[in-house]
Amino acid sequence: MSKVFFYVMFALSLALTAFLGWSVVQTHLLANQLVLIGAAVLALIPMLLYLLQREKKGKNKKTGFRIAAIVLLLFMSLVEGAVGFYVHRYNSRMDEVTEVRTQYTEIKVYVKKDADNPDRQITIEYAVESKYIFGTISGVDTAAIDQTRQDLERKYGRTIQLRSYGSLQELVRALDEGEVDALLISTAYFDLIDSLPDYEGYTEKLYVPENFSSRIQTEIMPQPAVINPEIQEDVLSTLQDPALWENSFCAYLSGIDTYGPVTARSRSDVNILAVVNMETKTVLLISTPRDYYVPFNFQPVGGAMDKLTHAGIYGIEGSMQALGDYYGLPIQYYLRVNFNGFIDVINTLGGVDFESDVDLGRIHKGMNYGVSGEDALRFVRNRYAFAEGDRARGRHQMAVVKGIINSLRSSKILTNYLELMDEMAGCFQTNVSKAMIGELVQLTMQSGKDWTVLTYSVDGNGSTEYAYSLGCFAYVMIPNTDTVEYARSLAIAIASGETMTQEQLQKNAPKPR
C-alpha cells in the first residue's frame, strides 16, 4: 500500500511543480530562466526520492523510507498547491483588469416628475403605449440609441417615435417646454444637464421609469490623430519620432467622476499624462485641468472646441485623442479608475503617504501619512476651497498619484497583494498587457535604483466660451501656451533619457501670467 501512495504522491508532486511553474511564467513577474531553474530544483526532490527508494534493500527499510518520503511529498504538494492557487488567482485578476479594450454606453429613459404628485411614477410600458415622443441628440450615441429603440419596439410591439435636437441645451429645453415627453440619452450626457446655465439642479426633477436602462458594449477604437497645427514643426517631429520612444512610453491616467462600473463612458475629472522612461526609471506626470478648452477632432464632434472633461463621454479614446492631438504625444496606453476603485486601492494599501501644500479637513500642509481612501478622494476632488481652483486640484491629484506609486513599489504591498488585485477587478481598467506590467516589476526588482516621479501642471486663464457637448456657453480654461510648450519639452527630455529633480523642473518652469 505504501508503494501505491508513494507513486501517487510522486506523480502529484511533479504535476503541481509543472502547474506552479506554468502559472508563474504567466505572471511575467520573473525571468523565464529563473522560473525554469526553480521548477527544476523542485522537480529534483521527488526524482531523488524515487531513485533513493529503489536503492533501499529490505522490505521494512523500503516501507519506512516510503512513508517518510510520502510525508515530505505531501508537504511539498500542499505548499506548491497553495502557492499555485495564489498565483493562478493573481493571473485571473490581472486578466480582468489588463488589456481591456471594451466599454459600454448606458442608455436610459428620463421623464419629468409630476409637479402635483412627485411620488407618482409611470412605467416604461405606459410611456411606449401612450406614444411618448422620445427626445435624443442628433448624431450622438446613434447606434446605442437605435439598439435601445429596437429592443423596446420588439418588447412592446409598438413603434417608438424619436425627435432629434442639435444640442443637449436644446433637448432639455424641449422636455421642459413639453415638445418631447421623455429623454432617450446616455447616462454620460445626463450627468451634464446640471452644468447647463439655465438648468442647474434640473436632474432632481427627472426619474427613470422602472430604472429602465440598456447597456451597449463597444470596442475602444481610437480614430486617426489630427495633430495640433500650432505645435512647432521641429518639436512635433521629435515627439513623433519612434526612436524617442524606444525605451519610453506615454500613458493616459483617467479618474472618472462616478461610483459606477469603470467600463461606462463618463466624464474624466483626472487627466494626467505619464511619460515613463524604463531605462532611467523616471516618471513624468503632466496634469491638464478638466476645463481646458481644446478641439475634439474625433467623430461625431469633428473639430469643435469643448472642455477636456467632456471628451470622456465619447469614450476613453476620446480623452486620449483630445490630449494626444493637443500635445502631439503618441499616447499608447490608458489606465482608468473610478471613485470606488480609488478608495478601495488606497485602503487596501493601508493608506497613502503624500505631501500637501494646503490644509484641508484632515489633510494638513506638509507630509501626510496613511491617509485613507475616503480622505484622499475628498482632497483630490476639492477645487472650490482654493483660489486656484482646478489648478490646485491638479497638483493635489498628482501628489496622491505619486504617493500611490511609492506605495506600489514599497514592501508593504507584498502583505496584501492579492487583496489589492481583488479590489482592482471591476473598478480599474487598462490596455497595458500583463507582460508589460511584469517587465516593469522585473525592472524594479533587478535595479537597486528607485523610480523618480516628477510632476508638472499646465496652466490657463478662465473664460466663457461655447462648449460643444453642452450646446451653450460655459466656463472654460484657455490654455497658457507657455506652460503647454514647457510640458512638451519635459516629455521630450524624459523620453530621451535626461535626468532632473523636481526643484530643477520648477525652477525652469514658465511664470504664471
Protein backbone atom coordinates (compact mmCIF):
# COMPACT_ATOMS: atom_id res chain seq x y z
CA MET A 1 0.00 0.00 0.00
CA SER A 2 2.85 2.40 0.85
CA LYS A 3 4.26 1.78 -2.62
CA VAL A 4 0.99 2.89 -4.28
CA PHE A 5 0.76 6.01 -2.09
CA PHE A 6 4.37 6.86 -2.86
CA TYR A 7 3.85 6.74 -6.63
CA VAL A 8 0.63 8.73 -6.35
CA MET A 9 2.38 11.46 -4.34
CA PHE A 10 5.38 11.30 -6.68
CA ALA A 11 3.16 11.93 -9.72
CA LEU A 12 1.11 14.60 -7.89
CA SER A 13 4.24 16.47 -6.82
CA LEU A 14 5.61 16.59 -10.37
CA ALA A 15 2.22 17.72 -11.73
CA LEU A 16 1.94 20.51 -9.15
CA THR A 17 5.52 21.61 -9.89
CA ALA A 18 4.66 21.88 -13.59
CA PHE A 19 1.41 23.74 -12.79
CA LEU A 20 3.21 26.15 -10.46
CA GLY A 21 5.98 26.81 -12.98
CA TRP A 22 3.47 27.43 -15.78
CA SER A 23 1.41 29.77 -13.56
CA VAL A 24 4.47 31.80 -12.54
CA VAL A 25 5.55 32.12 -16.19
CA GLN A 26 2.08 33.53 -16.98
CA THR A 27 2.58 36.35 -14.43
CA HIS A 28 5.68 37.63 -16.29
CA LEU A 29 6.96 38.82 -12.89
CA LEU A 30 10.10 36.65 -13.04
CA ALA A 31 12.51 35.92 -15.85
CA ASN A 32 11.72 32.60 -17.55
CA GLN A 33 15.23 31.34 -16.79
CA LEU A 34 14.66 31.79 -13.06
CA VAL A 35 11.31 30.02 -13.26
CA LEU A 36 12.86 27.08 -15.11
CA ILE A 37 15.65 26.80 -12.57
CA GLY A 38 13.18 26.92 -9.68
CA ALA A 39 10.92 24.31 -11.28
CA ALA A 40 13.93 22.05 -11.96
CA VAL A 41 15.03 22.27 -8.32
CA LEU A 42 11.52 21.43 -7.09
CA ALA A 43 11.21 18.54 -9.56
CA LEU A 44 14.62 17.20 -8.48
CA ILE A 45 13.37 16.45 -4.96
CA PRO A 46 10.72 13.83 -5.90
CA MET A 47 13.08 12.40 -8.51
CA LEU A 48 15.80 11.88 -5.89
CA LEU A 49 13.29 10.31 -3.51
CA TYR A 50 12.17 7.99 -6.30
CA LEU A 51 15.75 6.88 -7.00
CA LEU A 52 16.65 6.50 -3.32
CA GLN A 53 13.65 4.32 -2.52
CA ARG A 54 14.65 2.00 -5.35
CA GLU A 55 18.12 1.63 -3.79
CA LYS A 56 16.78 0.59 -0.39
CA LYS A 57 17.30 -3.08 0.49
CA GLY A 58 14.82 -4.98 2.61
CA LYS A 59 11.04 -4.68 2.84
CA ASN A 60 10.98 -2.83 6.18
CA LYS A 61 13.61 -0.29 5.10
CA LYS A 62 11.77 0.42 1.85
CA THR A 63 8.44 0.78 3.66
CA GLY A 64 9.89 3.13 6.29
CA PHE A 65 11.62 5.25 3.66
CA ARG A 66 8.49 5.43 1.52
CA ILE A 67 6.38 6.61 4.47
CA ALA A 68 8.89 9.36 5.22
CA ALA A 69 9.05 10.25 1.53
CA ILE A 70 5.22 10.33 1.31
CA VAL A 71 5.09 12.80 4.23
CA LEU A 72 7.71 15.01 2.58
CA LEU A 73 6.00 14.87 -0.81
CA LEU A 74 2.62 15.60 0.82
CA PHE A 75 4.08 18.68 2.50
CA MET A 76 5.63 19.81 -0.79
CA SER A 77 2.35 19.26 -2.63
CA LEU A 78 0.38 21.27 -0.09
CA VAL A 79 2.83 24.16 -0.32
CA GLU A 80 3.01 24.03 -4.13
CA GLY A 81 -0.76 23.75 -4.37
CA ALA A 82 -1.32 26.76 -2.09
CA VAL A 83 1.26 28.88 -3.90
CA GLY A 84 -0.04 27.74 -7.29
CA PHE A 85 -3.60 28.67 -6.33
CA TYR A 86 -2.40 32.09 -5.17
CA VAL A 87 -0.51 32.68 -8.42
CA HIS A 88 -3.40 31.39 -10.55
CA ARG A 89 -5.77 33.75 -8.75
CA TYR A 90 -3.37 36.61 -9.38
CA ASN A 91 -3.34 35.78 -13.09
CA SER A 92 -7.14 35.66 -13.20
CA ARG A 93 -7.46 39.07 -11.55
CA MET A 94 -4.80 40.62 -13.78
CA ASP A 95 -6.56 39.23 -16.86
CA GLU A 96 -9.71 41.06 -15.72
CA VAL A 97 -8.05 44.49 -15.49
CA THR A 98 -5.38 44.35 -18.21
CA GLU A 99 -5.71 44.55 -21.97
CA VAL A 100 -9.31 45.79 -21.58
CA ARG A 101 -10.45 47.06 -24.95
CA THR A 102 -14.21 47.37 -24.49
CA GLN A 103 -16.51 49.84 -22.82
CA TYR A 104 -20.24 50.32 -22.72
CA THR A 105 -22.73 53.09 -23.32
CA GLU A 106 -25.67 53.06 -20.92
CA ILE A 107 -28.87 54.45 -22.43
CA LYS A 108 -31.77 55.41 -20.16
CA VAL A 109 -35.22 56.94 -20.47
CA TYR A 110 -35.77 60.06 -18.36
CA VAL A 111 -39.17 61.68 -17.72
CA LYS A 112 -40.27 64.65 -15.63
CA LYS A 113 -41.75 64.14 -12.19
CA ASP A 114 -45.38 65.10 -11.73
CA ALA A 115 -45.28 68.57 -10.16
CA ASP A 116 -48.52 67.92 -8.23
CA ASN A 117 -47.62 64.38 -7.19
CA PRO A 118 -43.81 63.86 -7.23
CA ASP A 119 -44.10 60.30 -5.90
CA ARG A 120 -46.24 59.17 -8.83
CA GLN A 121 -44.19 57.39 -11.46
CA ILE A 122 -45.16 55.93 -14.81
CA THR A 123 -43.86 52.65 -16.21
CA ILE A 124 -41.80 52.30 -19.37
CA GLU A 125 -44.68 50.26 -20.82
CA TYR A 126 -47.07 53.15 -20.19
CA ALA A 127 -44.68 55.56 -21.94
CA VAL A 128 -44.46 53.34 -25.00
CA GLU A 129 -48.16 52.55 -25.21
CA SER A 130 -49.04 56.23 -24.69
CA LYS A 131 -46.94 57.03 -27.77
CA TYR A 132 -44.47 59.23 -25.93
CA ILE A 133 -42.12 61.27 -28.10
CA PHE A 134 -38.56 60.46 -27.04
CA GLY A 135 -36.00 63.25 -27.48
CA THR A 136 -32.42 62.49 -28.50
CA ILE A 137 -29.30 64.44 -29.50
CA SER A 138 -28.56 64.38 -33.21
CA GLY A 139 -25.52 62.29 -34.17
CA VAL A 140 -24.67 61.26 -30.59
CA ASP A 141 -24.70 57.60 -29.45
CA THR A 142 -26.73 56.82 -32.58
CA ALA A 143 -26.08 53.06 -32.66
CA ALA A 144 -26.76 52.58 -28.94
CA ILE A 145 -29.99 54.60 -29.05
CA ASP A 146 -31.16 52.76 -32.17
CA GLN A 147 -30.49 49.42 -30.47
CA THR A 148 -32.46 50.55 -27.41
CA ARG A 149 -35.34 51.71 -29.60
CA GLN A 150 -35.45 48.36 -31.41
CA ASP A 151 -35.43 46.45 -28.11
CA LEU A 152 -38.38 48.49 -26.82
CA GLU A 153 -40.31 48.04 -30.06
CA ARG A 154 -39.78 44.27 -30.01
CA LYS A 155 -40.82 44.01 -26.37
CA TYR A 156 -43.98 46.13 -26.55
CA GLY A 157 -44.94 45.76 -30.22
CA ARG A 158 -45.26 49.48 -30.87
CA THR A 159 -43.29 51.98 -32.94
CA ILE A 160 -41.08 54.35 -30.92
CA GLN A 161 -41.13 57.96 -32.12
CA LEU A 162 -37.82 59.81 -31.80
CA ARG A 163 -37.19 63.53 -32.21
CA SER A 164 -33.60 64.76 -32.51
CA TYR A 165 -32.15 68.08 -31.37
CA GLY A 166 -28.85 69.74 -32.20
CA SER A 167 -27.53 70.00 -28.64
CA LEU A 168 -28.14 68.99 -25.06
CA GLN A 169 -29.31 72.52 -24.27
CA GLU A 170 -31.99 72.35 -26.98
CA LEU A 171 -33.05 68.85 -25.93
CA VAL A 172 -33.56 69.74 -22.26
CA ARG A 173 -35.45 72.87 -23.24
CA ALA A 174 -37.73 70.72 -25.43
CA LEU A 175 -38.51 68.43 -22.49
CA ASP A 176 -39.06 71.32 -20.13
CA GLU A 177 -41.46 73.01 -22.56
CA GLY A 178 -43.33 69.82 -23.46
CA GLU A 179 -42.12 69.36 -27.04
CA VAL A 180 -40.99 65.85 -26.09
CA ASP A 181 -42.32 63.57 -23.38
CA ALA A 182 -39.06 61.88 -22.38
CA LEU A 183 -35.31 61.88 -22.96
CA LEU A 184 -33.56 58.91 -24.51
CA ILE A 185 -29.88 59.63 -23.87
CA SER A 186 -26.74 58.13 -22.34
CA THR A 187 -26.04 58.45 -18.63
CA ALA A 188 -22.86 60.33 -19.57
CA TYR A 189 -24.91 63.07 -21.24
CA PHE A 190 -27.48 63.05 -18.43
CA ASP A 191 -24.69 63.94 -15.99
CA LEU A 192 -24.07 67.14 -17.98
CA ILE A 193 -27.60 68.54 -17.59
CA ASP A 194 -26.90 70.28 -14.29
CA SER A 195 -23.98 72.06 -15.98
CA LEU A 196 -26.35 73.89 -18.30
CA PRO A 197 -26.64 77.54 -17.18
CA ASP A 198 -30.46 77.56 -17.28
CA TYR A 199 -30.98 74.09 -15.80
CA GLU A 200 -28.82 73.80 -12.69
CA GLY A 201 -30.33 71.11 -10.45
CA TYR A 202 -32.75 70.04 -13.18
CA THR A 203 -31.87 66.35 -12.85
CA GLU A 204 -33.68 66.35 -9.50
CA LYS A 205 -36.92 66.83 -11.46
CA LEU A 206 -36.33 63.70 -13.57
CA TYR A 207 -36.56 59.98 -12.94
CA VAL A 208 -36.04 56.70 -14.82
CA PRO A 209 -39.23 54.63 -15.22
CA GLU A 210 -38.71 51.26 -13.51
CA ASN A 211 -34.98 52.04 -13.57
CA PHE A 212 -35.02 51.09 -17.25
CA SER A 213 -31.60 51.05 -18.90
CA SER A 214 -29.89 49.48 -21.88
CA ARG A 215 -26.16 48.75 -21.92
CA ILE A 216 -24.49 48.57 -25.33
CA GLN A 217 -20.90 47.28 -25.32
CA THR A 218 -18.45 48.63 -27.86
CA GLU A 219 -14.76 48.29 -28.64
CA ILE A 220 -12.35 51.05 -27.68
CA MET A 221 -11.18 52.20 -31.10
CA PRO A 222 -9.18 55.45 -31.35
CA GLN A 223 -9.69 57.42 -34.55
CA PRO A 224 -6.82 58.78 -36.70
CA ALA A 225 -4.91 61.56 -34.97
CA VAL A 226 -5.29 65.18 -36.07
CA ILE A 227 -2.22 66.80 -34.52
CA ASN A 228 -2.47 70.36 -33.21
CA PRO A 229 -1.17 72.56 -36.07
CA GLU A 230 0.14 75.10 -33.56
CA ILE A 231 2.96 72.78 -32.46
CA GLN A 232 6.32 73.86 -33.84
CA GLU A 233 7.44 71.60 -36.67
CA ASP A 234 10.76 70.61 -35.08
CA VAL A 235 9.08 69.84 -31.74
CA LEU A 236 6.38 67.74 -33.43
CA SER A 237 8.91 65.75 -35.48
CA THR A 238 10.81 64.97 -32.28
CA LEU A 239 7.68 63.97 -30.36
CA GLN A 240 6.52 61.68 -33.19
CA ASP A 241 9.95 60.10 -33.80
CA PRO A 242 9.74 56.36 -32.89
CA ALA A 243 13.40 56.44 -31.84
CA LEU A 244 12.46 58.77 -28.96
CA TRP A 245 10.15 56.11 -27.53
CA GLU A 246 12.41 53.06 -27.79
CA ASN A 247 12.87 52.93 -24.01
CA SER A 248 9.86 55.04 -23.04
CA PHE A 249 6.11 55.22 -23.43
CA CYS A 250 3.27 57.64 -22.76
CA ALA A 251 0.13 56.62 -20.85
CA TYR A 252 -3.12 58.40 -20.04
CA LEU A 253 -4.31 58.21 -16.41
CA SER A 254 -8.02 58.90 -16.07
CA GLY A 255 -10.19 59.24 -12.99
CA ILE A 256 -13.87 59.15 -13.92
CA ASP A 257 -16.43 61.03 -11.85
CA THR A 258 -18.63 58.09 -10.96
CA TYR A 259 -19.04 55.31 -8.41
CA GLY A 260 -20.50 53.01 -11.07
CA PRO A 261 -18.77 50.47 -13.34
CA VAL A 262 -15.40 51.64 -14.61
CA THR A 263 -16.17 50.49 -18.16
CA ALA A 264 -19.01 53.02 -18.52
CA ARG A 265 -18.48 56.12 -20.62
CA SER A 266 -18.16 59.09 -18.31
CA ARG A 267 -16.55 62.50 -17.87
CA SER A 268 -12.97 62.37 -16.70
CA ASP A 269 -12.12 64.51 -13.68
CA VAL A 270 -8.48 63.39 -13.59
CA ASN A 271 -6.48 63.86 -16.80
CA ILE A 272 -2.82 63.02 -16.30
CA LEU A 273 -0.27 62.04 -18.91
CA ALA A 274 2.52 59.80 -17.63
CA VAL A 275 5.77 59.77 -19.61
CA VAL A 276 7.70 56.71 -18.41
CA ASN A 277 11.38 56.09 -19.17
CA MET A 278 12.19 52.49 -18.26
CA GLU A 279 15.94 52.98 -18.71
CA THR A 280 16.33 55.91 -16.31
CA LYS A 281 13.36 54.76 -14.16
CA THR A 282 11.77 58.18 -14.35
CA VAL A 283 8.07 59.03 -14.48
CA LEU A 284 6.86 62.49 -15.53
CA LEU A 285 3.24 63.28 -14.62
CA ILE A 286 1.64 66.11 -16.61
CA SER A 287 -1.71 67.29 -15.26
CA THR A 288 -4.19 69.04 -17.55
CA PRO A 289 -7.15 70.88 -15.95
CA ARG A 290 -10.56 69.33 -16.67
CA ASP A 291 -11.89 72.62 -18.09
CA TYR A 292 -9.04 73.06 -20.61
CA TYR A 293 -10.51 74.35 -23.87
CA VAL A 294 -9.28 72.03 -26.62
CA PRO A 295 -10.51 70.77 -30.02
CA PHE A 296 -12.25 67.38 -30.29
CA ASN A 297 -11.10 66.05 -33.65
CA PHE A 298 -12.96 62.74 -33.38
CA GLN A 299 -16.46 61.89 -34.62
CA PRO A 300 -19.21 62.94 -34.09
CA VAL A 301 -17.64 66.23 -32.94
CA GLY A 302 -15.26 66.77 -35.83
CA GLY A 303 -13.04 69.61 -34.60
CA ALA A 304 -15.37 71.65 -32.35
CA MET A 305 -13.99 73.16 -29.15
CA ASP A 306 -15.01 71.84 -25.74
CA LYS A 307 -13.88 71.22 -22.18
CA LEU A 308 -11.37 68.38 -21.87
CA THR A 309 -13.53 66.60 -19.27
CA HIS A 310 -16.35 66.22 -21.82
CA ALA A 311 -14.13 64.12 -24.11
CA GLY A 312 -14.71 61.17 -21.80
CA ILE A 313 -18.43 60.96 -22.62
CA TYR A 314 -17.43 59.87 -26.13
CA GLY A 315 -15.31 57.07 -24.70
CA ILE A 316 -11.85 56.87 -23.18
CA GLU A 317 -10.41 57.01 -26.71
CA GLY A 318 -11.95 60.49 -26.97
CA SER A 319 -9.93 61.71 -24.00
CA MET A 320 -6.78 60.03 -25.31
CA GLN A 321 -7.17 61.62 -28.74
CA ALA A 322 -8.02 65.07 -27.39
CA LEU A 323 -4.84 65.07 -25.29
CA GLY A 324 -2.66 63.29 -27.84
CA ASP A 325 -3.68 65.67 -30.62
CA TYR A 326 -3.22 68.74 -28.44
CA TYR A 327 0.20 67.85 -27.03
CA GLY A 328 1.44 65.96 -30.09
CA LEU A 329 2.26 62.96 -27.89
CA PRO A 330 1.77 59.35 -29.05
CA ILE A 331 -0.36 58.04 -26.18
CA GLN A 332 -0.12 54.26 -26.28
CA TYR A 333 -1.81 53.19 -23.06
CA TYR A 334 -4.60 54.15 -20.72
CA LEU A 335 -5.30 53.40 -17.07
CA ARG A 336 -8.74 54.30 -15.77
CA VAL A 337 -10.17 54.11 -12.27
CA ASN A 338 -13.50 55.17 -10.76
CA PHE A 339 -14.19 56.57 -7.28
CA ASN A 340 -14.78 53.15 -5.73
CA GLY A 341 -11.53 51.84 -7.12
CA PHE A 342 -9.59 54.87 -5.94
CA ILE A 343 -10.88 54.47 -2.38
CA ASP A 344 -10.50 50.68 -2.24
CA VAL A 345 -6.97 50.57 -3.67
CA ILE A 346 -5.69 53.16 -1.20
CA ASN A 347 -7.38 51.47 1.77
CA THR A 348 -6.02 48.08 0.72
CA LEU A 349 -2.54 49.59 0.64
CA GLY A 350 -3.08 50.70 4.24
CA GLY A 351 -3.40 54.36 3.28
CA VAL A 352 -1.25 56.61 1.15
CA ASP A 353 1.59 58.98 2.09
CA PHE A 354 1.80 62.27 0.22
CA GLU A 355 2.85 65.88 0.64
CA SER A 356 0.21 68.63 0.61
CA ASP A 357 0.69 72.34 0.02
CA VAL A 358 -2.51 73.22 1.93
CA ASP A 359 -4.59 72.39 4.99
CA LEU A 360 -7.92 70.78 4.11
CA GLY A 361 -10.01 68.78 6.56
CA ARG A 362 -7.87 66.01 7.98
CA ILE A 363 -5.14 66.77 5.44
CA HIS A 364 -2.51 69.18 6.75
CA LYS A 365 0.18 71.16 5.00
CA GLY A 366 3.36 69.13 4.70
CA MET A 367 3.78 65.34 4.69
CA ASN A 368 0.71 63.23 5.45
CA TYR A 369 1.00 59.55 6.34
CA GLY A 370 -1.51 56.73 5.98
CA VAL A 371 -4.29 58.90 4.52
CA SER A 372 -7.45 56.84 3.94
CA GLY A 373 -9.03 56.43 0.52
CA GLU A 374 -12.06 58.48 1.56
CA ASP A 375 -9.94 61.42 2.76
CA ALA A 376 -7.68 61.20 -0.29
CA LEU A 377 -10.70 61.29 -2.62
CA ARG A 378 -12.10 64.40 -0.90
CA PHE A 379 -8.67 66.01 -1.22
CA VAL A 380 -8.25 65.33 -4.95
CA ARG A 381 -11.83 66.28 -5.85
CA ASN A 382 -12.00 69.61 -4.00
CA ARG A 383 -11.42 72.73 -6.06
CA TYR A 384 -13.86 75.26 -4.66
CA ALA A 385 -11.89 75.65 -1.42
CA PHE A 386 -8.92 77.08 -3.29
CA ALA A 387 -8.44 80.37 -5.10
CA GLU A 388 -6.57 78.49 -7.84
CA GLY A 389 -9.49 76.12 -8.33
CA ASP A 390 -8.71 73.38 -10.81
CA ARG A 391 -5.00 74.24 -10.86
CA ALA A 392 -4.75 73.33 -7.18
CA ARG A 393 -6.79 70.19 -7.72
CA GLY A 394 -4.44 69.06 -10.48
CA ARG A 395 -1.42 69.43 -8.18
CA HIS A 396 -3.19 67.50 -5.43
CA GLN A 397 -4.16 64.70 -7.81
CA MET A 398 -0.55 64.26 -8.88
CA ALA A 399 0.66 64.36 -5.27
CA VAL A 400 -1.66 61.45 -4.41
CA VAL A 401 -0.78 59.55 -7.61
CA LYS A 402 2.90 59.95 -6.72
CA GLY A 403 2.13 58.61 -3.23
CA ILE A 404 0.34 55.59 -4.70
CA ILE A 405 3.31 54.86 -6.99
CA ASN A 406 5.61 54.98 -3.98
CA SER A 407 3.29 52.61 -2.09
CA LEU A 408 3.18 50.16 -5.00
CA ARG A 409 6.96 49.89 -5.02
CA SER A 410 7.25 49.51 -1.22
CA SER A 411 7.46 46.26 0.71
CA LYS A 412 4.05 46.69 2.37
CA ILE A 413 2.30 45.79 -0.88
CA LEU A 414 3.57 42.22 -0.55
CA THR A 415 1.40 41.63 2.54
CA ASN A 416 -1.87 42.36 0.75
CA TYR A 417 -1.06 41.97 -2.94
CA LEU A 418 -3.84 39.50 -3.76
CA GLU A 419 -6.38 41.59 -1.87
CA LEU A 420 -5.28 44.56 -3.97
CA MET A 421 -5.87 42.56 -7.15
CA ASP A 422 -9.37 41.66 -5.92
CA GLU A 423 -10.18 45.32 -5.28
CA MET A 424 -8.89 46.39 -8.69
CA ALA A 425 -11.11 43.95 -10.59
CA GLY A 426 -14.23 45.82 -11.70
CA CYS A 427 -13.07 49.32 -10.77
CA PHE A 428 -9.82 49.61 -12.71
CA GLN A 429 -9.10 49.00 -16.38
CA THR A 430 -6.10 49.35 -18.65
CA ASN A 431 -4.89 48.22 -22.06
CA VAL A 432 -1.39 47.66 -20.64
CA SER A 433 -0.56 43.98 -21.05
CA LYS A 434 0.23 41.70 -18.16
CA ALA A 435 3.58 41.03 -19.79
CA MET A 436 4.47 44.73 -19.76
CA ILE A 437 3.45 45.07 -16.12
CA GLY A 438 5.66 42.09 -15.36
CA GLU A 439 8.53 43.75 -17.24
CA LEU A 440 8.16 46.89 -15.11
CA VAL A 441 8.11 44.79 -11.92
CA GLN A 442 11.24 42.90 -13.02
CA LEU A 443 12.94 46.19 -13.80
CA THR A 444 12.12 47.47 -10.33
CA MET A 445 13.42 44.32 -8.63
CA GLN A 446 16.58 43.97 -10.70
CA SER A 447 17.80 47.53 -10.18
CA GLY A 448 18.53 48.98 -6.79
CA LYS A 449 17.68 52.43 -8.08
CA ASP A 450 14.31 53.89 -7.02
CA TRP A 451 11.88 55.37 -9.51
CA THR A 452 11.93 59.16 -9.76
CA VAL A 453 8.46 60.71 -10.03
CA LEU A 454 8.26 64.29 -11.36
CA THR A 455 5.08 66.37 -11.61
CA TYR A 456 4.04 69.37 -13.66
CA SER A 457 0.68 71.13 -14.21
CA VAL A 458 -0.11 73.19 -17.27
CA ASP A 459 -1.96 76.45 -16.61
CA GLY A 460 -4.52 78.74 -18.22
CA ASN A 461 -6.99 81.55 -17.72
CA GLY A 462 -10.71 81.35 -17.13
CA SER A 463 -13.13 82.41 -19.84
CA THR A 464 -16.67 81.83 -21.10
CA GLU A 465 -16.82 80.06 -24.45
CA TYR A 466 -19.13 77.81 -26.44
CA ALA A 467 -18.85 74.19 -25.26
CA TYR A 468 -19.90 71.73 -27.97
CA SER A 469 -21.22 68.95 -25.71
CA LEU A 470 -23.45 71.35 -23.78
CA GLY A 471 -24.59 73.32 -26.78
CA CYS A 472 -24.18 76.62 -24.95
CA PHE A 473 -21.59 78.97 -23.46
CA ALA A 474 -19.90 77.81 -20.27
CA TYR A 475 -16.84 78.38 -18.12
CA VAL A 476 -13.65 77.01 -19.70
CA MET A 477 -9.90 77.47 -19.20
CA ILE A 478 -7.98 78.95 -22.12
CA PRO A 479 -4.56 77.21 -22.23
CA ASN A 480 -1.41 79.11 -21.32
CA THR A 481 0.69 78.11 -24.32
CA ASP A 482 3.97 78.75 -22.50
CA THR A 483 3.15 76.05 -19.94
CA VAL A 484 1.96 73.65 -22.65
CA GLU A 485 5.17 74.11 -24.64
CA TYR A 486 7.19 73.56 -21.46
CA ALA A 487 5.27 70.34 -20.80
CA ARG A 488 6.17 69.13 -24.31
CA SER A 489 9.85 69.95 -23.69
CA LEU A 490 9.73 68.00 -20.43
CA ALA A 491 8.19 65.00 -22.20
CA ILE A 492 10.99 65.06 -24.78
CA ALA A 493 13.65 65.41 -22.08
CA ILE A 494 12.37 62.48 -20.00
CA ALA A 495 11.73 60.21 -23.00
CA SER A 496 15.23 60.91 -24.35
CA GLY A 497 16.85 59.92 -21.04
CA GLU A 498 17.62 63.25 -19.38
CA THR A 499 17.54 63.33 -15.59
CA MET A 500 16.35 66.17 -13.39
CA THR A 501 14.96 66.91 -9.96
CA GLN A 502 11.59 68.38 -9.09
CA GLU A 503 13.37 71.54 -7.96
CA GLN A 504 15.10 71.91 -11.33
CA LEU A 505 11.81 71.33 -13.13
CA GLN A 506 10.04 74.04 -11.13
CA LYS A 507 12.94 76.49 -11.40
CA ASN A 508 12.85 76.42 -15.20
CA ALA A 509 9.04 76.45 -15.47
CA PRO A 510 7.28 79.48 -17.03
CA LYS A 511 5.98 82.01 -14.55
CA PRO A 512 2.18 82.41 -14.23
CA ARG A 513 0.63 85.15 -16.36
